[in-house]
Amino acid sequence: MPLTPPTPDLPPITATRRERRKEARPGELLEAALDLFVEKGFAATRVEEVAARAGVSKGTLFLYFPSKDELFKAVVRENLSGRFVEWNNDFETFQGSTHDMMTYCMHSWWERVGSTKAAGIAKLMMSEAGNFPQITDFYRQEVIEPGHTLIRRILQRGMDKGEFRPLDLDYAVFSVLAPMLFMMLSRYSKGICIPQGLELDPKRYLASQLDIILHGLGPRPADGAHAARKA
């Protein structure tokens, strides 16, 4: 009687797929949440919708994020506040002039945030911040304060190197942040931010703003030399 050859041990394909699917869920949930928060706002977005868009149950969502507030915080960390580690590391190793650093800062911000769906979070916060003080405080700590600190470091570097004149850093920061905020808002409020018929070119816009900012930050000529040139 012929012997039946032993069945080889098969890899646990089902378990492996299940594990991969489980590992993918947080990312899928965050992506679905970002889409819905930007489309509908924080108040109007329901966790059931997020779960459905990600293809999981509401119970599965709550395994990873116990509330809508925590889900929103995770979206902000994933798409915005997590970027500051990268940018601060870039600051530490940057070898060029502060003018070059400012240019890199704006273009890097546009590539990593401004041109992505995450730009819609800024509009969401402006429209709903007053109704949700807890997430507003969180956003301030995770995004606003680190952003201000990073810009201050760049401006201070320029002052220390003699590339920028002495500045009131508390307010000079807003001169750099304002064009970035405008770009984010213009993506979702074109009828308000941009005149009819004008198609905003991000590269031209950033180049124009950088030119204005950097010339405005340049060292002032000595009063005597300035008067001599006028004469």
Protein backbone atom coordinates (compact mmCIF):
# COMPACT_ATOMS: atom_id res chain seq x y z
CA MET A 1 0.00 0.00 0.00
CA PRO A 2 1.61 3.25 -1.10
CA LEU A 3 2.33 5.73 1.58
CA THR A 4 0.80 9.15 1.30
CA PRO A 5 3.60 11.72 1.23
CA PRO A 6 3.55 14.04 4.17
CA THR A 7 1.82 17.33 3.57
CA PRO A 8 4.38 20.13 3.76
CA ASP A 9 3.82 22.80 6.33
CA LEU A 10 2.19 25.73 4.59
CA PRO A 11 2.89 29.29 5.66
CA PRO A 12 0.03 30.87 7.57
CA ILE A 13 -1.13 32.94 4.63
CA THR A 14 -4.45 33.88 6.17
CA ALA A 15 -2.87 34.97 9.43
CA THR A 16 -0.21 36.97 7.62
CA ARG A 17 -2.79 38.77 5.53
CA ARG A 18 -4.86 39.43 8.60
CA GLU A 19 -1.84 40.86 10.39
CA ARG A 20 -1.00 43.07 7.45
CA ARG A 21 -4.59 44.24 7.29
CA LYS A 22 -4.56 45.00 11.02
CA GLU A 23 -1.34 46.97 10.71
CA ALA A 24 -2.80 48.98 7.84
CA ARG A 25 -5.94 49.99 9.71
CA PRO A 26 -4.62 52.99 11.67
CA GLY A 27 -3.21 54.56 8.51
CA GLU A 28 -6.40 53.90 6.58
CA LEU A 29 -8.48 55.38 9.38
CA LEU A 30 -6.30 58.50 9.55
CA GLU A 31 -6.51 58.97 5.80
CA ALA A 32 -10.29 58.59 5.83
CA ALA A 33 -10.58 60.94 8.81
CA LEU A 34 -8.45 63.60 7.10
CA ASP A 35 -10.64 63.42 3.99
CA LEU A 36 -13.85 63.81 5.97
CA PHE A 37 -12.58 66.48 8.37
CA VAL A 38 -11.48 68.60 5.41
CA GLU A 39 -14.67 67.93 3.42
CA LYS A 40 -17.21 68.37 6.23
CA GLY A 41 -15.45 70.01 9.17
CA PHE A 42 -14.92 68.66 12.65
CA ALA A 43 -18.44 69.07 14.00
CA ALA A 44 -20.20 67.46 11.04
CA THR A 45 -17.88 64.47 10.74
CA ARG A 46 -19.16 61.33 12.47
CA VAL A 47 -16.93 58.45 13.49
CA GLU A 48 -19.31 56.04 11.76
CA GLU A 49 -18.55 57.77 8.46
CA VAL A 50 -14.81 57.55 9.05
CA ALA A 51 -15.04 53.86 9.83
CA ALA A 52 -17.21 53.19 6.79
CA ARG A 53 -14.85 55.05 4.46
CA ALA A 54 -11.91 53.08 5.86
CA GLY A 55 -13.84 49.82 5.45
CA VAL A 56 -13.98 48.87 9.12
CA SER A 57 -16.58 48.86 11.87
CA LYS A 58 -17.06 51.68 14.35
CA GLY A 59 -15.91 49.30 17.07
CA THR A 60 -12.65 48.72 15.23
CA LEU A 61 -12.08 52.47 14.98
CA PHE A 62 -12.52 52.83 18.73
CA LEU A 63 -9.87 50.16 19.31
CA TYR A 64 -7.33 52.60 17.90
CA PHE A 65 -8.89 55.98 18.68
CA PRO A 66 -11.22 56.12 21.72
CA SER A 67 -13.00 59.32 20.65
CA LYS A 68 -13.41 61.72 17.75
CA ASP A 69 -11.17 64.20 19.57
CA GLU A 70 -8.39 61.63 19.77
CA LEU A 71 -8.89 60.73 16.13
CA PHE A 72 -8.53 64.38 15.12
CA LYS A 73 -5.40 64.75 17.26
CA ALA A 74 -3.87 61.74 15.56
CA VAL A 75 -4.64 63.26 12.15
CA VAL A 76 -2.90 66.49 13.16
CA ARG A 77 0.14 64.64 14.50
CA GLU A 78 0.39 62.50 11.39
CA ASN A 79 0.06 65.32 8.87
CA LEU A 80 1.30 68.48 10.59
CA SER A 81 3.03 68.41 13.95
CA GLY A 82 5.13 65.40 13.02
CA ARG A 83 6.78 67.52 10.31
CA PHE A 84 8.51 69.76 12.83
CA VAL A 85 10.96 67.04 13.82
CA GLU A 86 12.10 66.87 10.18
CA TRP A 87 12.30 70.65 9.80
CA ASN A 88 14.22 71.17 13.03
CA ASN A 89 16.68 68.47 11.98
CA ASP A 90 17.07 70.25 8.65
CA PHE A 91 17.73 73.49 10.53
CA GLU A 92 20.54 71.92 12.54
CA THR A 93 22.42 70.68 9.47
CA PHE A 94 21.68 73.49 6.99
CA GLN A 95 24.88 74.92 5.49
CA GLY A 96 23.60 77.72 3.23
CA SER A 97 22.72 81.33 3.92
CA THR A 98 19.64 82.27 5.90
CA HIS A 99 18.13 83.58 2.67
CA ASP A 100 18.55 80.07 1.25
CA MET A 101 17.12 78.59 4.44
CA MET A 102 14.01 80.78 4.21
CA THR A 103 13.52 79.74 0.60
CA TYR A 104 13.93 76.08 1.52
CA CYS A 105 11.52 76.52 4.44
CA MET A 106 8.70 77.85 2.28
CA HIS A 107 9.15 75.40 -0.57
CA SER A 108 9.49 72.46 1.81
CA TRP A 109 6.35 73.55 3.62
CA TRP A 110 4.46 73.75 0.32
CA GLU A 111 5.58 70.30 -0.81
CA ARG A 112 4.90 68.56 2.52
CA VAL A 113 1.80 70.42 3.74
CA GLY A 114 0.48 73.28 1.61
CA SER A 115 -0.08 71.25 -1.55
CA THR A 116 -1.59 68.30 0.33
CA LYS A 117 -5.00 67.62 1.87
CA ALA A 118 -3.55 68.60 5.25
CA ALA A 119 -3.79 72.24 4.17
CA GLY A 120 -7.54 71.98 4.78
CA ILE A 121 -6.96 71.57 8.51
CA ALA A 122 -6.01 75.26 8.77
CA LYS A 123 -9.36 76.31 7.30
CA LEU A 124 -11.16 73.87 9.61
CA MET A 125 -9.45 75.37 12.65
CA MET A 126 -10.22 78.94 11.63
CA SER A 127 -13.91 78.17 11.15
CA GLU A 128 -14.49 75.88 14.16
CA ALA A 129 -11.83 76.71 16.76
CA GLY A 130 -14.18 78.80 18.87
CA ASN A 131 -16.56 75.90 19.36
CA PHE A 132 -13.98 73.31 20.42
CA PRO A 133 -11.54 74.78 22.95
CA GLN A 134 -9.90 71.44 23.70
CA ILE A 135 -8.83 70.73 20.14
CA THR A 136 -7.93 74.41 19.72
CA ASP A 137 -5.53 74.22 22.65
CA PHE A 138 -4.11 71.01 21.25
CA TYR A 139 -3.63 72.57 17.79
CA ARG A 140 -1.93 75.59 19.32
CA GLN A 141 0.52 73.39 21.24
CA GLU A 142 1.18 70.94 18.40
CA VAL A 143 1.24 73.24 15.36
CA ILE A 144 1.10 76.97 16.11
CA GLU A 145 3.75 77.15 18.83
CA PRO A 146 6.29 74.83 17.12
CA GLY A 147 5.75 76.72 13.86
CA HIS A 148 6.42 80.06 15.51
CA THR A 149 9.48 78.68 17.28
CA LEU A 150 10.96 77.35 14.04
CA ILE A 151 10.43 80.62 12.16
CA ARG A 152 11.92 82.58 15.07
CA ARG A 153 15.01 80.36 14.92
CA ILE A 154 15.45 81.11 11.22
CA LEU A 155 15.01 84.85 11.73
CA GLN A 156 17.36 84.83 14.73
CA ARG A 157 19.96 82.99 12.65
CA GLY A 158 19.76 85.72 10.03
CA MET A 159 20.16 88.43 12.65
CA ASP A 160 23.10 86.65 14.31
CA LYS A 161 24.88 86.33 10.95
CA GLY A 162 24.23 89.95 9.99
CA GLU A 163 22.03 88.89 7.07
CA PHE A 164 18.89 90.43 8.60
CA ARG A 165 18.55 93.68 10.46
CA PRO A 166 17.37 93.66 14.12
CA LEU A 167 13.74 92.55 14.16
CA ASP A 168 10.84 92.40 16.58
CA LEU A 169 10.62 88.62 16.38
CA ASP A 170 7.22 88.44 18.08
CA TYR A 171 5.72 90.14 15.03
CA ALA A 172 8.22 89.42 12.26
CA VAL A 173 7.20 85.76 12.50
CA PHE A 174 3.78 86.63 11.09
CA SER A 175 5.35 88.14 7.95
CA VAL A 176 6.65 84.67 7.10
CA LEU A 177 3.60 82.72 8.21
CA ALA A 178 1.01 84.94 6.50
CA PRO A 179 1.84 83.86 2.91
CA MET A 180 1.72 80.20 3.96
CA LEU A 181 -1.65 80.63 5.62
CA PHE A 182 -2.99 82.49 2.58
CA MET A 183 -1.91 79.66 0.29
CA MET A 184 -3.70 77.07 2.43
CA LEU A 185 -6.88 79.10 2.64
CA SER A 186 -6.86 79.91 -1.07
CA ARG A 187 -7.02 76.20 -1.92
CA TYR A 188 -10.36 75.86 -0.15
CA SER A 189 -11.79 79.39 -0.41
CA LYS A 190 -10.90 80.55 -3.91
CA GLY A 191 -13.98 82.71 -4.22
CA ILE A 192 -12.91 84.71 -1.17
CA CYS A 193 -9.12 84.79 -1.40
CA ILE A 194 -8.45 85.15 -5.13
CA PRO A 195 -10.04 87.56 -7.65
CA GLN A 196 -12.12 85.99 -10.38
CA GLY A 197 -10.07 84.99 -13.39
CA LEU A 198 -6.76 84.77 -11.52
CA GLU A 199 -5.22 81.31 -11.31
CA LEU A 200 -2.71 81.33 -8.49
CA ASP A 201 0.60 79.73 -9.46
CA PRO A 202 2.20 78.41 -6.24
CA LYS A 203 5.78 78.76 -7.51
CA ARG A 204 5.29 82.33 -8.71
CA TYR A 205 3.44 83.24 -5.54
CA LEU A 206 6.16 81.87 -3.24
CA ALA A 207 8.89 83.51 -5.31
CA SER A 208 7.10 86.85 -5.06
CA GLN A 209 6.56 86.57 -1.32
CA LEU A 210 10.14 85.49 -0.68
CA ASP A 211 11.43 88.42 -2.72
CA ILE A 212 9.34 90.86 -0.67
CA ILE A 213 10.20 89.28 2.67
CA LEU A 214 13.92 88.90 2.08
CA HIS A 215 14.43 92.39 0.70
CA GLY A 216 12.43 93.77 3.56
CA LEU A 217 14.64 91.90 6.03
CA GLY A 218 17.93 93.01 4.50
CA PRO A 219 20.34 95.20 6.55
CA ARG A 220 19.58 98.89 6.43
CA PRO A 221 22.35 101.13 5.06
CA ALA A 222 24.01 103.50 7.51
CA ASP A 223 22.25 106.83 7.66
CA GLY A 224 25.32 108.64 6.37
CA ALA A 225 25.82 106.37 3.38
CA HIS A 226 22.13 106.55 2.59
CA ALA A 227 22.17 110.36 2.66
CA ALA A 228 25.28 110.46 0.48
CA ARG A 229 23.62 108.29 -2.16
CA LYS A 230 20.55 110.50 -2.19
CA ALA A 231 22.76 113.58 -2.66
